[in-house]
Protein backbone atom coordinates (compact mmCIF):
# COMPACT_ATOMS: atom_id res chain seq x y z
CA MET A 1 93.08 104.32 131.84
CA HIS A 2 96.77 104.94 132.48
CA LEU A 3 99.14 103.66 129.83
CA PRO A 4 102.66 105.08 129.81
CA ALA A 5 103.94 106.21 126.45
CA PRO A 6 106.29 103.68 124.86
CA PHE A 7 109.97 104.46 124.40
CA LEU A 8 110.84 105.23 120.80
CA SER A 9 114.48 105.02 119.82
CA ASP A 10 113.92 106.35 116.30
CA ARG A 11 111.38 107.18 113.61
CA VAL A 12 111.82 103.76 111.99
CA ALA A 13 109.98 102.15 114.94
CA VAL A 14 106.92 104.28 114.17
CA ASP A 15 107.16 103.39 110.48
CA GLU A 16 107.39 99.67 111.29
CA ALA A 17 104.40 99.91 113.64
CA HIS A 18 102.40 101.71 110.95
CA ALA A 19 103.35 99.09 108.34
CA LEU A 20 102.22 96.26 110.62
CA ILE A 21 98.93 98.03 111.35
CA ALA A 22 98.36 98.56 107.62
CA ARG A 23 99.20 94.93 106.83
CA HIS A 24 97.61 93.12 109.79
CA GLY A 25 94.97 95.51 111.13
CA ASP A 26 93.77 94.49 114.59
CA GLU A 27 96.27 91.62 114.63
CA ALA A 28 99.30 93.93 114.29
CA GLY A 29 100.23 93.63 117.95
CA TYR A 30 100.33 89.84 117.62
CA ALA A 31 102.55 90.15 114.54
CA ALA A 32 105.00 92.35 116.44
CA ALA A 33 104.95 89.93 119.38
CA ALA A 34 105.70 87.04 117.01
CA ARG A 35 108.70 88.90 115.61
CA ALA A 36 109.92 89.66 119.11
CA GLU A 37 109.61 85.98 120.02
CA GLN A 38 111.59 84.95 116.94
CA TYR A 39 114.44 87.21 117.99
CA ARG A 40 114.25 85.99 121.59
CA VAL A 41 114.62 82.39 120.41
CA LEU A 42 117.61 83.43 118.29
CA GLY A 43 119.17 85.07 121.34
CA ASN A 44 119.14 88.53 119.78
CA HIS A 45 118.10 90.60 122.78
CA ILE A 46 118.45 93.93 120.98
CA HIS A 47 115.92 93.11 118.26
CA PHE A 48 113.73 91.32 120.81
CA ALA A 49 113.51 94.50 122.89
CA ARG A 50 112.95 96.63 119.78
CA TRP A 51 109.97 94.54 118.63
CA ARG A 52 108.51 94.48 122.14
CA GLN A 53 108.60 98.28 122.10
CA ILE A 54 106.92 98.30 118.68
CA GLU A 55 104.27 95.96 120.10
CA ARG A 56 103.66 98.44 122.94
CA LEU A 57 103.50 101.31 120.44
CA ILE A 58 100.85 99.48 118.42
CA THR A 59 98.81 98.99 121.60
CA TYR A 60 99.23 102.67 122.46
CA LEU A 61 98.11 103.73 118.98
CA SER A 62 95.06 101.47 119.06
CA ILE A 63 93.45 103.21 122.05
CA ASP A 64 90.71 105.67 121.15
CA ASP A 65 90.95 107.70 124.37
CA VAL A 66 93.20 110.71 124.74
CA LEU A 67 96.26 109.78 126.78
CA GLY A 68 98.25 112.58 128.32
CA THR A 69 97.90 116.33 128.03
CA VAL A 70 96.19 117.93 125.06
CA HIS A 71 97.54 121.38 124.19
């Protein structure tokens, strides 16, 4: 499976992804998508894009396989 690593602008994105996973478990990706949609409706494209990236990060973190090179 090929899944490109998500872009992370800062450490806070990882913390937010972790908090959603802790709070929502397997539904964390849906929670991030809902937040992204809220910002899209408000016309805030910056926060929309940020929450989409967090959604992708949650998906990336939920995969059990090793992705990329292991050193």
